[in-house]
């Protein structure tokens, strides 16, 4: 649905503030197919990630980490730069999920 109607992206932004952690998680996970098919702007992916950055629920953290991991398979450098920028403020579980598919050398830099 989101791929066919990209204007609906704006409708998922409020999901990041939902009281229901499943809805917050969905705001990230729903973008995965669009990332895989390269029909979403990376700025939109990072906006969702920024909004979820300090979420207190582990499954939400894993969800947006997964979203970033998928993006890294399409554009490793942009995700690397994002992770370097947020290295100190991103929860560990999100960070580890996001770098999972990175080259060995890039992982080493991120983990140092």
PDB file of N, CA and C in Angstrom:
ATOM      1  N   UNK A   1       0.823  -1.186   0.000  1.00  0.00           N
ATOM      2  CA  UNK A   1       0.000   0.000   0.000  1.00  0.00           C
ATOM      3  C   UNK A   1       0.875   1.262   0.000  1.00  0.00           C
ATOM      4  N   UNK A   2       1.885   1.251   0.861  1.00  0.00           N
ATOM      5  CA  UNK A   2       2.765   2.415   0.970  1.00  0.00           C
ATOM      6  C   UNK A   2       3.578   2.644  -0.302  1.00  0.00           C
ATOM      7  N   UNK A   3       3.933   1.561  -0.969  1.00  0.00           N
ATOM      8  CA  UNK A   3       4.665   1.701  -2.229  1.00  0.00           C
ATOM      9  C   UNK A   3       3.787   2.292  -3.323  1.00  0.00           C
ATOM     10  N   UNK A   4       2.547   1.874  -3.369  1.00  0.00           N
ATOM     11  CA  UNK A   4       1.620   2.363  -4.385  1.00  0.00           C
ATOM     12  C   UNK A   4       1.143   3.787  -4.098  1.00  0.00           C
ATOM     13  N   UNK A   5       1.125   4.130  -2.829  1.00  0.00           N
ATOM     14  CA  UNK A   5       0.638   5.454  -2.409  1.00  0.00           C
ATOM     15  C   UNK A   5       1.625   6.084  -1.430  1.00  0.00           C
ATOM     16  N   UNK A   6       2.768   6.550  -1.919  1.00  0.00           N
ATOM     17  CA  UNK A   6       3.811   7.084  -1.036  1.00  0.00           C
ATOM     18  C   UNK A   6       3.366   8.274  -0.191  1.00  0.00           C
ATOM     19  N   UNK A   7       2.320   8.973  -0.608  1.00  0.00           N
ATOM     20  CA  UNK A   7       1.809  10.102   0.173  1.00  0.00           C
ATOM     21  C   UNK A   7       1.287   9.644   1.537  1.00  0.00           C
ATOM     22  N   UNK A   8       1.022   8.353   1.695  1.00  0.00           N
ATOM     23  CA  UNK A   8       0.542   7.822   2.972  1.00  0.00           C
ATOM     24  C   UNK A   8       1.642   7.783   4.034  1.00  0.00           C
ATOM     25  N   UNK A   9       2.890   7.980   3.608  1.00  0.00           N
ATOM     26  CA  UNK A   9       4.005   8.009   4.560  1.00  0.00           C
ATOM     27  C   UNK A   9       3.716   8.974   5.709  1.00  0.00           C
ATOM     28  N   UNK A  10       3.159  10.123   5.393  1.00  0.00           N
ATOM     29  CA  UNK A  10       2.864  11.128   6.421  1.00  0.00           C
ATOM     30  C   UNK A  10       1.910  10.602   7.486  1.00  0.00           C
ATOM     31  N   UNK A  11       1.104   9.624   7.128  1.00  0.00           N
ATOM     32  CA  UNK A  11       0.141   9.042   8.069  1.00  0.00           C
ATOM     33  C   UNK A  11       0.816   8.159   9.118  1.00  0.00           C
ATOM     34  N   UNK A  12       2.007   7.646   8.805  1.00  0.00           N
ATOM     35  CA  UNK A  12       2.665   6.759   9.769  1.00  0.00           C
ATOM     36  C   UNK A  12       3.535   7.510  10.779  1.00  0.00           C
ATOM     37  N   UNK A  13       3.845   8.754  10.521  1.00  0.00           N
ATOM     38  CA  UNK A  13       4.668   9.518  11.465  1.00  0.00           C
ATOM     39  C   UNK A  13       4.029   9.576  12.850  1.00  0.00           C
ATOM     40  N   UNK A  14       2.724   9.831  12.971  1.00  0.00           N
ATOM     41  CA  UNK A  14       2.112   9.834  14.311  1.00  0.00           C
ATOM     42  C   UNK A  14       2.186   8.482  15.023  1.00  0.00           C
ATOM     43  N   UNK A  15       2.358   7.401  14.274  1.00  0.00           N
ATOM     44  CA  UNK A  15       2.476   6.088  14.886  1.00  0.00           C
ATOM     45  C   UNK A  15       3.669   6.042  15.851  1.00  0.00           C
ATOM     46  N   UNK A  16       4.699   6.832  15.579  1.00  0.00           N
ATOM     47  CA  UNK A  16       5.901   6.809  16.416  1.00  0.00           C
ATOM     48  C   UNK A  16       5.627   7.296  17.837  1.00  0.00           C
ATOM     49  N   UNK A  17       4.490   7.956  18.043  1.00  0.00           N
ATOM     50  CA  UNK A  17       4.130   8.478  19.371  1.00  0.00           C
ATOM     51  C   UNK A  17       2.990   7.708  20.023  1.00  0.00           C
ATOM     52  N   UNK A  18       2.582   6.610  19.418  1.00  0.00           N
ATOM     53  CA  UNK A  18       1.468   5.813  19.945  1.00  0.00           C
ATOM     54  C   UNK A  18       1.784   5.258  21.338  1.00  0.00           C
ATOM     55  N   UNK A  19       0.759   5.052  22.126  1.00  0.00           N
ATOM     56  CA  UNK A  19       0.921   4.396  23.431  1.00  0.00           C
ATOM     57  C   UNK A  19       1.175   2.896  23.274  1.00  0.00           C
ATOM     58  N   UNK A  20       0.795   2.359  22.131  1.00  0.00           N
ATOM     59  CA  UNK A  20       0.950   0.931  21.845  1.00  0.00           C
ATOM     60  C   UNK A  20       2.315   0.694  21.182  1.00  0.00           C
ATOM     61  N   UNK A  21       3.178  -0.056  21.849  1.00  0.00           N
ATOM     62  CA  UNK A  21       4.519  -0.276  21.297  1.00  0.00           C
ATOM     63  C   UNK A  21       4.492  -1.009  19.958  1.00  0.00           C
ATOM     64  N   UNK A  22       3.469  -1.823  19.712  1.00  0.00           N
ATOM     65  CA  UNK A  22       3.377  -2.516  18.421  1.00  0.00           C
ATOM     66  C   UNK A  22       3.167  -1.514  17.282  1.00  0.00           C
ATOM     67  N   UNK A  23       2.415  -0.479  17.534  1.00  0.00           N
ATOM     68  CA  UNK A  23       2.181   0.558  16.521  1.00  0.00           C
ATOM     69  C   UNK A  23       3.474   1.340  16.288  1.00  0.00           C
ATOM     70  N   UNK A  24       4.192   1.657  17.373  1.00  0.00           N
ATOM     71  CA  UNK A  24       5.475   2.353  17.219  1.00  0.00           C
ATOM     72  C   UNK A  24       6.446   1.496  16.409  1.00  0.00           C
ATOM     73  N   UNK A  25       6.505   0.214  16.713  1.00  0.00           N
ATOM     74  CA  UNK A  25       7.380  -0.696  15.969  1.00  0.00           C
ATOM     75  C   UNK A  25       6.967  -0.750  14.492  1.00  0.00           C
ATOM     76  N   UNK A  26       5.674  -0.794  14.256  1.00  0.00           N
ATOM     77  CA  UNK A  26       5.152  -0.863  12.882  1.00  0.00           C
ATOM     78  C   UNK A  26       5.552   0.352  12.060  1.00  0.00           C
ATOM     79  N   UNK A  27       5.731   1.504  12.704  1.00  0.00           N
ATOM     80  CA  UNK A  27       6.119   2.707  11.954  1.00  0.00           C
ATOM     81  C   UNK A  27       7.472   2.527  11.267  1.00  0.00           C
ATOM     82  N   UNK A  28       8.313   1.676  11.807  1.00  0.00           N
ATOM     83  CA  UNK A  28       9.600   1.368  11.181  1.00  0.00           C
ATOM     84  C   UNK A  28       9.502   0.157  10.258  1.00  0.00           C
ATOM     85  N   UNK A  29       8.912  -0.911  10.762  1.00  0.00           N
ATOM     86  CA  UNK A  29       8.877  -2.178  10.031  1.00  0.00           C
ATOM     87  C   UNK A  29       8.091  -2.065   8.724  1.00  0.00           C
ATOM     88  N   UNK A  30       7.083  -1.206   8.701  1.00  0.00           N
ATOM     89  CA  UNK A  30       6.273  -1.038   7.487  1.00  0.00           C
ATOM     90  C   UNK A  30       7.103  -0.500   6.318  1.00  0.00           C
ATOM     91  N   UNK A  31       8.222   0.132   6.612  1.00  0.00           N
ATOM     92  CA  UNK A  31       9.063   0.711   5.556  1.00  0.00           C
ATOM     93  C   UNK A  31      10.015  -0.299   4.915  1.00  0.00           C
ATOM     94  N   UNK A  32      10.157  -1.464   5.508  1.00  0.00           N
ATOM     95  CA  UNK A  32      11.162  -2.423   5.037  1.00  0.00           C
ATOM     96  C   UNK A  32      10.953  -2.830   3.584  1.00  0.00           C
ATOM     97  N   UNK A  33       9.750  -3.145   3.189  1.00  0.00           N
ATOM     98  CA  UNK A  33       9.505  -3.534   1.799  1.00  0.00           C
ATOM     99  C   UNK A  33       9.808  -2.380   0.840  1.00  0.00           C
ATOM    100  N   UNK A  34       9.454  -1.185   1.220  1.00  0.00           N
ATOM    101  CA  UNK A  34       9.747  -0.016   0.377  1.00  0.00           C
ATOM    102  C   UNK A  34      11.252   0.210   0.261  1.00  0.00           C
ATOM    103  N   UNK A  35      11.978  -0.070   1.336  1.00  0.00           N
ATOM    104  CA  UNK A  35      13.444   0.038   1.293  1.00  0.00           C
ATOM    105  C   UNK A  35      14.008  -1.018   0.358  1.00  0.00           C
ATOM    106  N   UNK A  36      13.544  -2.254   0.504  1.00  0.00           N
ATOM    107  CA  UNK A  36      14.031  -3.343  -0.351  1.00  0.00           C
ATOM    108  C   UNK A  36      13.780  -3.056  -1.827  1.00  0.00           C
ATOM    109  N   UNK A  37      12.646  -2.448  -2.124  1.00  0.00           N
ATOM    110  CA  UNK A  37      12.297  -2.148  -3.517  1.00  0.00           C
ATOM    111  C   UNK A  37      12.774  -0.767  -3.961  1.00  0.00           C
ATOM    112  N   UNK A  38      13.499  -0.100  -3.065  1.00  0.00           N
ATOM    113  CA  UNK A  38      14.118   1.201  -3.351  1.00  0.00           C
ATOM    114  C   UNK A  38      13.108   2.244  -3.840  1.00  0.00           C
ATOM    115  N   UNK A  39      11.981   2.322  -3.152  1.00  0.00           N
ATOM    116  CA  UNK A  39      10.946   3.296  -3.528  1.00  0.00           C
ATOM    117  C   UNK A  39      10.660   4.297  -2.412  1.00  0.00           C
ATOM    118  N   UNK A  40      11.598   4.425  -1.485  1.00  0.00           N
ATOM    119  CA  UNK A  40      11.431   5.396  -0.400  1.00  0.00           C
ATOM    120  C   UNK A  40      12.722   6.184  -0.236  1.00  0.00           C
ATOM    121  N   UNK A  41      12.579   7.445   0.051  1.00  0.00           N
ATOM    122  CA  UNK A  41      13.743   8.303   0.260  1.00  0.00           C
ATOM    123  C   UNK A  41      14.396   7.953   1.594  1.00  0.00           C
ATOM    124  N   UNK A  42      15.724   7.947   1.614  1.00  0.00           N
ATOM    125  CA  UNK A  42      16.427   7.619   2.852  1.00  0.00           C
ATOM    126  C   UNK A  42      16.123   8.634   3.955  1.00  0.00           C
ATOM    127  N   UNK A  43      15.851   9.856   3.587  1.00  0.00           N
ATOM    128  CA  UNK A  43      15.531  10.867   4.616  1.00  0.00           C
ATOM    129  C   UNK A  43      14.287  10.473   5.402  1.00  0.00           C
ATOM    130  N   UNK A  44      13.344   9.827   4.755  1.00  0.00           N
ATOM    131  CA  UNK A  44      12.126   9.381   5.439  1.00  0.00           C
ATOM    132  C   UNK A  44      12.436   8.240   6.408  1.00  0.00           C
ATOM    133  N   UNK A  45      13.333   7.365   6.005  1.00  0.00           N
ATOM    134  CA  UNK A  45      13.745   6.262   6.878  1.00  0.00           C
ATOM    135  C   UNK A  45      14.426   6.825   8.123  1.00  0.00           C
ATOM    136  N   UNK A  46      15.324   7.774   7.913  1.00  0.00           N
ATOM    137  CA  UNK A  46      16.046   8.358   9.042  1.00  0.00           C
ATOM    138  C   UNK A  46      15.135   9.195   9.934  1.00  0.00           C
ATOM    139  N   UNK A  47      14.109   9.779   9.367  1.00  0.00           N
ATOM    140  CA  UNK A  47      13.163  10.539  10.184  1.00  0.00           C
ATOM    141  C   UNK A  47      12.460   9.616  11.179  1.00  0.00           C
ATOM    142  N   UNK A  48      12.005   8.469  10.694  1.00  0.00           N
ATOM    143  CA  UNK A  48      11.357   7.495  11.577  1.00  0.00           C
ATOM    144  C   UNK A  48      12.350   7.004  12.628  1.00  0.00           C
ATOM    145  N   UNK A  49      13.562   6.711  12.200  1.00  0.00           N
ATOM    146  CA  UNK A  49      14.586   6.269  13.137  1.00  0.00           C
ATOM    147  C   UNK A  49      14.846   7.327  14.212  1.00  0.00           C
ATOM    148  N   UNK A  50      14.944   8.576  13.810  1.00  0.00           N
ATOM    149  CA  UNK A  50      15.159   9.669  14.769  1.00  0.00           C
ATOM    150  C   UNK A  50      14.013   9.758  15.773  1.00  0.00           C
ATOM    151  N   UNK A  51      12.791   9.600  15.285  1.00  0.00           N
ATOM    152  CA  UNK A  51      11.626   9.695  16.165  1.00  0.00           C
ATOM    153  C   UNK A  51      11.554   8.531  17.160  1.00  0.00           C
ATOM    154  N   UNK A  52      12.097   7.396  16.769  1.00  0.00           N
ATOM    155  CA  UNK A  52      12.067   6.215  17.634  1.00  0.00           C
ATOM    156  C   UNK A  52      13.358   6.028  18.439  1.00  0.00           C
ATOM    157  N   UNK A  53      14.341   6.867  18.195  1.00  0.00           N
ATOM    158  CA  UNK A  53      15.679   6.697  18.763  1.00  0.00           C
ATOM    159  C   UNK A  53      15.677   6.381  20.260  1.00  0.00           C
ATOM    160  N   UNK A  54      14.918   7.088  21.037  1.00  0.00           N
ATOM    161  CA  UNK A  54      14.950   6.908  22.490  1.00  0.00           C
ATOM    162  C   UNK A  54      13.743   6.159  23.037  1.00  0.00           C
ATOM    163  N   UNK A  55      13.121   5.353  22.197  1.00  0.00           N
ATOM    164  CA  UNK A  55      11.976   4.568  22.657  1.00  0.00           C
ATOM    165  C   UNK A  55      12.438   3.616  23.750  1.00  0.00           C
ATOM    166  N   UNK A  56      11.578   3.397  24.730  1.00  0.00           N
ATOM    167  CA  UNK A  56      11.967   2.570  25.860  1.00  0.00           C
ATOM    168  C   UNK A  56      11.626   1.086  25.702  1.00  0.00           C
ATOM    169  N   UNK A  57      10.981   0.724  24.616  1.00  0.00           N
ATOM    170  CA  UNK A  57      10.604  -0.685  24.431  1.00  0.00           C
ATOM    171  C   UNK A  57      11.608  -1.394  23.516  1.00  0.00           C
ATOM    172  N   UNK A  58      12.079  -2.541  23.962  1.00  0.00           N
ATOM    173  CA  UNK A  58      13.107  -3.287  23.241  1.00  0.00           C
ATOM    174  C   UNK A  58      12.660  -3.706  21.836  1.00  0.00           C
ATOM    175  N   UNK A  59      11.398  -4.095  21.675  1.00  0.00           N
ATOM    176  CA  UNK A  59      10.939  -4.532  20.352  1.00  0.00           C
ATOM    177  C   UNK A  59      10.853  -3.363  19.366  1.00  0.00           C
ATOM    178  N   UNK A  60      10.601  -2.175  19.852  1.00  0.00           N
ATOM    179  CA  UNK A  60      10.621  -0.991  18.993  1.00  0.00           C
ATOM    180  C   UNK A  60      12.055  -0.719  18.568  1.00  0.00           C
ATOM    181  N   UNK A  61      12.975  -0.815  19.496  1.00  0.00           N
ATOM    182  CA  UNK A  61      14.401  -0.618  19.188  1.00  0.00           C
ATOM    183  C   UNK A  61      14.878  -1.635  18.148  1.00  0.00           C
ATOM    184  N   UNK A  62      14.485  -2.880  18.326  1.00  0.00           N
ATOM    185  CA  UNK A  62      14.857  -3.915  17.359  1.00  0.00           C
ATOM    186  C   UNK A  62      14.215  -3.644  16.007  1.00  0.00           C
ATOM    187  N   UNK A  63      12.991  -3.140  16.010  1.00  0.00           N
ATOM    188  CA  UNK A  63      12.283  -2.855  14.764  1.00  0.00           C
ATOM    189  C   UNK A  63      12.965  -1.794  13.924  1.00  0.00           C
ATOM    190  N   UNK A  64      13.347  -0.680  14.546  1.00  0.00           N
ATOM    191  CA  UNK A  64      13.997   0.336  13.731  1.00  0.00           C
ATOM    192  C   UNK A  64      15.458  -0.025  13.434  1.00  0.00           C
ATOM    193  N   UNK A  65      16.069  -0.849  14.272  1.00  0.00           N
ATOM    194  CA  UNK A  65      17.397  -1.378  13.933  1.00  0.00           C
ATOM    195  C   UNK A  65      17.328  -2.277  12.706  1.00  0.00           C
ATOM    196  N   UNK A  66      16.284  -3.083  12.632  1.00  0.00           N
ATOM    197  CA  UNK A  66      16.045  -3.962  11.478  1.00  0.00           C
ATOM    198  C   UNK A  66      15.841  -3.120  10.223  1.00  0.00           C
ATOM    199  N   UNK A  67      15.054  -2.072  10.346  1.00  0.00           N
ATOM    200  CA  UNK A  67      14.813  -1.176   9.213  1.00  0.00           C
ATOM    201  C   UNK A  67      16.135  -0.597   8.698  1.00  0.00           C
ATOM    202  N   UNK A  68      16.991  -0.159   9.605  1.00  0.00           N
ATOM    203  CA  UNK A  68      18.290   0.398   9.210  1.00  0.00           C
ATOM    204  C   UNK A  68      19.198  -0.674   8.603  1.00  0.00           C
ATOM    205  N   UNK A  69      19.105  -1.886   9.128  1.00  0.00           N
ATOM    206  CA  UNK A  69      19.897  -2.996   8.573  1.00  0.00           C
ATOM    207  C   UNK A  69      19.517  -3.244   7.122  1.00  0.00           C
ATOM    208  N   UNK A  70      18.243  -3.244   6.828  1.00  0.00           N
ATOM    209  CA  UNK A  70      17.779  -3.453   5.458  1.00  0.00           C
ATOM    210  C   UNK A  70      18.268  -2.305   4.569  1.00  0.00           C
ATOM    211  N   UNK A  71      18.194  -1.091   5.068  1.00  0.00           N
ATOM    212  CA  UNK A  71      18.693   0.051   4.306  1.00  0.00           C
ATOM    213  C   UNK A  71      20.191  -0.088   4.041  1.00  0.00           C
ATOM    214  N   UNK A  72      20.922  -0.645   4.982  1.00  0.00           N
ATOM    215  CA  UNK A  72      22.376  -0.806   4.794  1.00  0.00           C
ATOM    216  C   UNK A  72      22.708  -1.770   3.661  1.00  0.00           C
ATOM    217  N   UNK A  73      21.791  -2.667   3.323  1.00  0.00           N
ATOM    218  CA  UNK A  73      22.039  -3.571   2.191  1.00  0.00           C
ATOM    219  C   UNK A  73      21.882  -2.842   0.862  1.00  0.00           C
ATOM    220  N   UNK A  74      21.221  -1.705   0.891  1.00  0.00           N
ATOM    221  CA  UNK A  74      21.016  -0.901  -0.325  1.00  0.00           C
ATOM    222  C   UNK A  74      22.006   0.254  -0.415  1.00  0.00           C
ATOM    223  N   UNK A  75      22.335   0.835   0.733  1.00  0.00           N
ATOM    224  CA  UNK A  75      23.238   1.979   0.764  1.00  0.00           C
ATOM    225  C   UNK A  75      24.018   1.951   2.075  1.00  0.00           C
ATOM    226  N   UNK A  76      25.075   1.171   2.063  1.00  0.00           N
ATOM    227  CA  UNK A  76      25.858   0.934   3.267  1.00  0.00           C
ATOM    228  C   UNK A  76      26.493   2.214   3.818  1.00  0.00           C
ATOM    229  N   UNK A  77      26.994   3.052   2.937  1.00  0.00           N
ATOM    230  CA  UNK A  77      27.707   4.246   3.389  1.00  0.00           C
ATOM    231  C   UNK A  77      26.801   5.226   4.128  1.00  0.00           C
ATOM    232  N   UNK A  78      25.599   5.423   3.632  1.00  0.00           N
ATOM    233  CA  UNK A  78      24.694   6.379   4.278  1.00  0.00           C
ATOM    234  C   UNK A  78      24.270   5.883   5.665  1.00  0.00           C
ATOM    235  N   UNK A  79      24.106   4.580   5.812  1.00  0.00           N
ATOM    236  CA  UNK A  79      23.768   4.024   7.126  1.00  0.00           C
ATOM    237  C   UNK A  79      24.994   4.087   8.039  1.00  0.00           C
ATOM    238  N   UNK A  80      26.155   3.815   7.497  1.00  0.00           N
ATOM    239  CA  UNK A  80      27.390   3.940   8.276  1.00  0.00           C
ATOM    240  C   UNK A  80      27.527   5.359   8.827  1.00  0.00           C
ATOM    241  N   UNK A  81      27.332   6.353   7.970  1.00  0.00           N
ATOM    242  CA  UNK A  81      27.426   7.753   8.403  1.00  0.00           C
ATOM    243  C   UNK A  81      26.399   8.071   9.490  1.00  0.00           C
ATOM    244  N   UNK A  82      25.198   7.570   9.322  1.00  0.00           N
ATOM    245  CA  UNK A  82      24.139   7.783  10.308  1.00  0.00           C
ATOM    246  C   UNK A  82      24.515   7.146  11.651  1.00  0.00           C
ATOM    247  N   UNK A  83      25.031   5.926  11.594  1.00  0.00           N
ATOM    248  CA  UNK A  83      25.421   5.237  12.826  1.00  0.00           C
ATOM    249  C   UNK A  83      26.590   5.930  13.513  1.00  0.00           C
ATOM    250  N   UNK A  84      27.524   6.433  12.733  1.00  0.00           N
ATOM    251  CA  UNK A  84      28.643   7.179  13.324  1.00  0.00           C
ATOM    252  C   UNK A  84      28.129   8.430  14.038  1.00  0.00           C
ATOM    253  N   UNK A  85      27.170   9.081  13.434  1.00  0.00           N
ATOM    254  CA  UNK A  85      26.595  10.294  14.018  1.00  0.00           C
ATOM    255  C   UNK A  85      25.862   9.999  15.327  1.00  0.00           C
ATOM    256  N   UNK A  86      25.216   8.842  15.389  1.00  0.00           N
ATOM    257  CA  UNK A  86      24.386   8.504  16.551  1.00  0.00           C
ATOM    258  C   UNK A  86      24.999   7.424  17.439  1.00  0.00           C
ATOM    259  N   UNK A  87      26.262   7.189  17.251  1.00  0.00           N
ATOM    260  CA  UNK A  87      26.968   6.122  17.963  1.00  0.00           C
ATOM    261  C   UNK A  87      26.797   6.188  19.482  1.00  0.00           C
ATOM    262  N   UNK A  88      26.793   7.386  20.024  1.00  0.00           N
ATOM    263  CA  UNK A  88      26.731   7.521  21.480  1.00  0.00           C
ATOM    264  C   UNK A  88      25.306   7.615  22.035  1.00  0.00           C
ATOM    265  N   UNK A  89      24.344   7.974  21.192  1.00  0.00           N
ATOM    266  CA  UNK A  89      22.984   8.145  21.715  1.00  0.00           C
ATOM    267  C   UNK A  89      21.999   7.066  21.284  1.00  0.00           C
ATOM    268  N   UNK A  90      22.387   6.198  20.365  1.00  0.00           N
ATOM    269  CA  UNK A  90      21.497   5.128  19.915  1.00  0.00           C
ATOM    270  C   UNK A  90      21.581   3.949  20.881  1.00  0.00           C
ATOM    271  N   UNK A  91      20.434   3.377  21.253  1.00  0.00           N
ATOM    272  CA  UNK A  91      20.474   2.194  22.121  1.00  0.00           C
ATOM    273  C   UNK A  91      21.283   1.067  21.470  1.00  0.00           C
ATOM    274  N   UNK A  92      21.971   0.345  22.290  1.00  0.00           N
ATOM    275  CA  UNK A  92      22.891  -0.700  21.819  1.00  0.00           C
ATOM    276  C   UNK A  92      22.204  -1.731  20.912  1.00  0.00           C
ATOM    277  N   UNK A  93      21.007  -2.162  21.276  1.00  0.00           N
ATOM    278  CA  UNK A  93      20.325  -3.200  20.494  1.00  0.00           C
ATOM    279  C   UNK A  93      20.009  -2.685  19.083  1.00  0.00           C
ATOM    280  N   UNK A  94      19.581  -1.465  18.945  1.00  0.00           N
ATOM    281  CA  UNK A  94      19.289  -0.875  17.627  1.00  0.00           C
ATOM    282  C   UNK A  94      20.566  -0.767  16.807  1.00  0.00           C
ATOM    283  N   UNK A  95      21.605  -0.296  17.461  1.00  0.00           N
ATOM    284  CA  UNK A  95      22.900  -0.117  16.814  1.00  0.00           C
ATOM    285  C   UNK A  95      23.430  -1.448  16.274  1.00  0.00           C
ATOM    286  N   UNK A  96      23.366  -2.482  17.100  1.00  0.00           N
ATOM    287  CA  UNK A  96      23.868  -3.803  16.697  1.00  0.00           C
ATOM    288  C   UNK A  96      23.045  -4.404  15.548  1.00  0.00           C
ATOM    289  N   UNK A  97      21.741  -4.243  15.602  1.00  0.00           N
ATOM    290  CA  UNK A  97      20.907  -4.717  14.500  1.00  0.00           C
ATOM    291  C   UNK A  97      21.280  -3.992  13.213  1.00  0.00           C
ATOM    292  N   UNK A  98      21.427  -2.683  13.291  1.00  0.00           N
ATOM    293  CA  UNK A  98      21.678  -1.867  12.109  1.00  0.00           C
ATOM    294  C   UNK A  98      22.998  -2.203  11.428  1.00  0.00           C
ATOM    295  N   UNK A  99      24.008  -2.578  12.169  1.00  0.00           N
ATOM    296  CA  UNK A  99      25.319  -2.833  11.551  1.00  0.00           C
ATOM    297  C   UNK A  99      25.545  -4.295  11.177  1.00  0.00           C
ATOM    298  N   UNK A 100      24.551  -5.117  11.407  1.00  0.00           N
ATOM    299  CA  UNK A 100      24.676  -6.561  11.196  1.00  0.00           C
ATOM    300  C   UNK A 100      25.149  -6.960   9.796  1.00  0.00           C
ATOM    301  N   UNK A 101      24.712  -6.276   8.749  1.00  0.00           N
ATOM    302  CA  UNK A 101      25.046  -6.650   7.369  1.00  0.00           C
ATOM    303  C   UNK A 101      26.210  -5.833   6.787  1.00  0.00           C
ATOM    304  N   UNK A 102      26.841  -5.023   7.615  1.00  0.00           N
ATOM    305  CA  UNK A 102      27.927  -4.165   7.140  1.00  0.00           C
ATOM    306  C   UNK A 102      29.191  -4.981   6.858  1.00  0.00           C
ATOM    307  N   UNK A 103      30.050  -4.417   6.037  1.00  0.00           N
ATOM    308  CA  UNK A 103      31.365  -5.020   5.788  1.00  0.00           C
ATOM    309  C   UNK A 103      32.117  -5.138   7.104  1.00  0.00           C
ATOM    310  N   UNK A 104      32.993  -6.097   7.167  1.00  0.00           N
ATOM    311  CA  UNK A 104      33.759  -6.374   8.369  1.00  0.00           C
ATOM    312  C   UNK A 104      34.536  -5.142   8.848  1.00  0.00           C
ATOM    313  N   UNK A 105      35.152  -4.436   7.916  1.00  0.00           N
ATOM    314  CA  UNK A 105      35.947  -3.259   8.270  1.00  0.00           C
ATOM    315  C   UNK A 105      35.085  -2.125   8.812  1.00  0.00           C
ATOM    316  N   UNK A 106      33.931  -1.917   8.202  1.00  0.00           N
ATOM    317  CA  UNK A 106      33.032  -0.865   8.686  1.00  0.00           C
ATOM    318  C   UNK A 106      32.491  -1.202  10.078  1.00  0.00           C
ATOM    319  N   UNK A 107      32.188  -2.465  10.294  1.00  0.00           N
ATOM    320  CA  UNK A 107      31.740  -2.913  11.622  1.00  0.00           C
ATOM    321  C   UNK A 107      32.806  -2.615  12.669  1.00  0.00           C
ATOM    322  N   UNK A 108      34.028  -2.906  12.300  1.00  0.00           N
ATOM    323  CA  UNK A 108      35.161  -2.691  13.205  1.00  0.00           C
ATOM    324  C   UNK A 108      35.266  -1.216  13.598  1.00  0.00           C
ATOM    325  N   UNK A 109      35.124  -0.331  12.629  1.00  0.00           N
ATOM    326  CA  UNK A 109      35.170   1.108  12.894  1.00  0.00           C
ATOM    327  C   UNK A 109      34.024   1.513  13.802  1.00  0.00           C
ATOM    328  N   UNK A 110      32.829   1.021  13.500  1.00  0.00           N
ATOM    329  CA  UNK A 110      31.665   1.375  14.306  1.00  0.00           C
ATOM    330  C   UNK A 110      31.759   0.866  15.739  1.00  0.00           C
ATOM    331  N   UNK A 111      32.340  -0.288  15.913  1.00  0.00           N
ATOM    332  CA  UNK A 111      32.419  -0.894  17.244  1.00  0.00           C
ATOM    333  C   UNK A 111      33.581  -0.348  18.083  1.00  0.00           C
ATOM    334  N   UNK A 112      34.481   0.388  17.455  1.00  0.00           N
ATOM    335  CA  UNK A 112      35.630   0.911  18.217  1.00  0.00           C
ATOM    336  C   UNK A 112      35.275   2.136  19.022  1.00  0.00           C
TER     337      UNK A 112
END
